[in-house]
């Protein structure tokens, strides 16, 4: 079977055959790379803002937060806007977030938007302080086009 092209005069040259076949391979590689990067970025793309809790085993303040706030966080309006994701402090790079500085203490709560840190709460003393600090960070988030402005 003979291949047909838009360039019949060039069809028999080695240069054309190379270009013609390489463009198909390049396109296939580009599509594959785009699909791979989309699948890797999907968690960031699907949720613009999130609350990331950096914790470690044996942290008594993490346990206290779990009892006082963590048990009800998923049912709050904040959780709808910023789902909670937990990361072990030793796996900071696995968070996929561009941090302003390394996390050194647990618990540390990072509010991230589009994969970048907006702000953080370092430590936990009580639920009143936590909710107040979290509200201040939520105010820094850009409103989505579907949400009314917070002004």
Protein backbone atom coordinates (compact mmCIF):
# COMPACT_ATOMS: atom_id res chain seq x y z
CA UNK A 1 0.00 0.00 0.00
CA UNK A 2 1.34 3.39 -0.97
CA UNK A 3 1.30 6.34 1.45
CA UNK A 4 -0.24 9.54 0.18
CA UNK A 5 0.93 12.97 1.30
CA UNK A 6 0.33 16.60 0.56
CA UNK A 7 3.91 16.79 -0.73
CA UNK A 8 4.22 14.26 -3.59
CA UNK A 9 7.49 15.75 -4.90
CA UNK A 10 9.20 15.16 -1.56
CA UNK A 11 7.74 11.72 -0.86
CA UNK A 12 10.78 9.80 -2.14
CA UNK A 13 13.45 11.77 -0.30
CA UNK A 14 14.96 10.45 2.90
CA UNK A 15 14.53 13.80 4.58
CA UNK A 16 10.79 13.82 3.96
CA UNK A 17 10.31 10.24 5.08
CA UNK A 18 12.17 11.03 8.30
CA UNK A 19 10.12 14.21 8.91
CA UNK A 20 6.84 12.52 8.02
CA UNK A 21 7.33 9.58 10.37
CA UNK A 22 8.96 11.58 13.18
CA UNK A 23 6.08 14.05 13.33
CA UNK A 24 3.71 11.18 14.12
CA UNK A 25 6.02 9.85 16.83
CA UNK A 26 6.51 13.34 18.29
CA UNK A 27 2.77 13.87 18.39
CA UNK A 28 2.25 10.53 20.14
CA UNK A 29 4.95 11.37 22.71
CA UNK A 30 3.45 14.82 23.29
CA UNK A 31 -0.01 13.38 23.85
CA UNK A 32 1.40 10.74 26.22
CA UNK A 33 3.34 13.37 28.18
CA UNK A 34 0.24 15.58 28.44
CA UNK A 35 -1.85 12.66 29.69
CA UNK A 36 0.79 11.74 32.27
CA UNK A 37 1.19 15.28 33.58
CA UNK A 38 -2.59 15.71 33.77
CA UNK A 39 -2.94 12.53 35.82
CA UNK A 40 -0.18 13.67 38.17
CA UNK A 41 -1.67 17.14 38.57
CA UNK A 42 -5.28 15.98 38.83
CA UNK A 43 -5.49 16.30 42.65
CA UNK A 44 -4.27 19.90 42.43
CA UNK A 45 -6.54 20.75 39.51
CA UNK A 46 -9.71 19.30 41.01
CA UNK A 47 -9.45 21.18 44.29
CA UNK A 48 -8.02 24.69 44.21
CA UNK A 49 -7.68 25.05 48.00
CA UNK A 50 -6.88 22.51 50.72
CA UNK A 51 -5.81 22.29 54.32
CA UNK A 52 -2.74 20.12 54.74
CA UNK A 53 -1.89 18.87 58.22
CA UNK A 54 1.74 17.90 58.73
CA UNK A 55 1.88 15.44 61.61
CA UNK A 56 3.97 12.65 63.10
CA UNK A 57 3.34 9.58 65.21
CA UNK A 58 3.36 10.25 68.94
CA UNK A 59 2.65 14.00 68.63
CA UNK A 60 0.41 14.81 71.62
CA UNK A 61 -0.73 18.11 70.06
CA UNK A 62 -1.76 16.26 66.89
CA UNK A 63 -3.78 13.87 69.04
CA UNK A 64 -5.36 16.78 70.90
CA UNK A 65 -6.31 18.44 67.60
CA UNK A 66 -7.83 15.14 66.44
CA UNK A 67 -10.04 15.01 69.54
CA UNK A 68 -11.06 18.67 69.65
CA UNK A 69 -11.25 19.64 65.96
CA UNK A 70 -10.47 16.68 63.72
CA UNK A 71 -13.54 14.72 64.78
CA UNK A 72 -15.84 17.41 63.38
CA UNK A 73 -13.74 19.14 60.70
CA UNK A 74 -15.20 17.13 57.79
CA UNK A 75 -18.70 18.43 58.61
CA UNK A 76 -17.75 22.12 58.54
CA UNK A 77 -18.03 24.77 55.83
CA UNK A 78 -14.22 25.10 55.95
CA UNK A 79 -13.89 21.44 54.95
CA UNK A 80 -16.12 22.03 51.92
CA UNK A 81 -13.84 24.87 50.81
CA UNK A 82 -10.58 23.21 51.95
CA UNK A 83 -10.60 19.43 52.35
CA UNK A 84 -8.12 18.12 54.91
CA UNK A 85 -5.14 16.11 53.76
CA UNK A 86 -2.67 14.60 56.24
CA UNK A 87 1.05 14.30 55.51
CA UNK A 88 3.78 12.83 57.68
CA UNK A 89 6.31 15.58 58.41
CA UNK A 90 9.10 13.39 56.98
CA UNK A 91 7.30 13.27 53.61
CA UNK A 92 7.05 17.00 52.93
CA UNK A 93 8.12 16.64 49.31
CA UNK A 94 5.31 14.14 48.72
CA UNK A 95 2.78 16.84 49.63
CA UNK A 96 3.10 18.35 46.16
CA UNK A 97 2.87 21.84 47.64
CA UNK A 98 5.33 24.65 47.11
CA UNK A 99 6.04 25.54 50.74
CA UNK A 100 7.23 29.00 51.82
CA UNK A 101 9.62 27.29 54.26
CA UNK A 102 10.20 23.74 55.48
CA UNK A 103 7.78 22.45 58.12
CA UNK A 104 9.66 21.89 61.37
CA UNK A 105 6.97 21.34 64.04
CA UNK A 106 3.85 19.23 64.35
CA UNK A 107 1.11 19.82 63.91
CA UNK A 108 1.52 22.44 61.21
CA UNK A 109 -1.52 23.30 59.12
CA UNK A 110 -0.79 24.70 55.66
CA UNK A 111 -3.53 26.32 53.63
CA UNK A 112 -2.63 25.75 49.99
CA UNK A 113 -4.24 27.11 46.87
CA UNK A 114 -3.36 25.76 43.43
CA UNK A 115 -0.40 23.88 44.92
CA UNK A 116 1.15 26.90 46.67
CA UNK A 117 1.20 27.81 50.33
CA UNK A 118 -1.10 30.69 51.22
CA UNK A 119 -0.33 30.58 54.94
CA UNK A 120 0.19 28.27 57.88
CA UNK A 121 -0.69 27.62 61.48
CA UNK A 122 2.22 26.22 63.43
CA UNK A 123 1.24 24.21 66.49
CA UNK A 124 -2.07 23.73 68.25
CA UNK A 125 -3.11 25.17 71.60
CA UNK A 126 -6.91 25.04 71.56
CA UNK A 127 -9.88 24.91 69.21
CA UNK A 128 -10.81 28.61 69.59
CA UNK A 129 -7.35 29.76 68.54
CA UNK A 130 -7.28 27.26 65.68
CA UNK A 131 -10.62 28.37 64.20
CA UNK A 132 -9.68 32.05 64.51
CA UNK A 133 -6.34 31.53 62.77
CA UNK A 134 -7.95 29.36 60.10
CA UNK A 135 -10.57 32.04 59.38
CA UNK A 136 -7.77 34.58 58.85
CA UNK A 137 -6.11 32.26 56.33
CA UNK A 138 -9.40 31.54 54.54
CA UNK A 139 -9.77 35.29 54.02
CA UNK A 140 -6.51 35.25 52.02
CA UNK A 141 -7.90 32.79 49.47
CA UNK A 142 -9.01 34.18 46.12
CA UNK A 143 -12.75 33.78 45.61
CA UNK A 144 -13.61 31.37 42.83
CA UNK A 145 -15.58 32.73 39.83
CA UNK A 146 -18.68 30.91 41.08
CA UNK A 147 -18.49 32.37 44.59
CA UNK A 148 -19.52 35.92 45.43
CA UNK A 149 -16.74 38.22 46.52
CA UNK A 150 -16.02 38.35 50.26
CA UNK A 151 -15.86 42.14 50.24
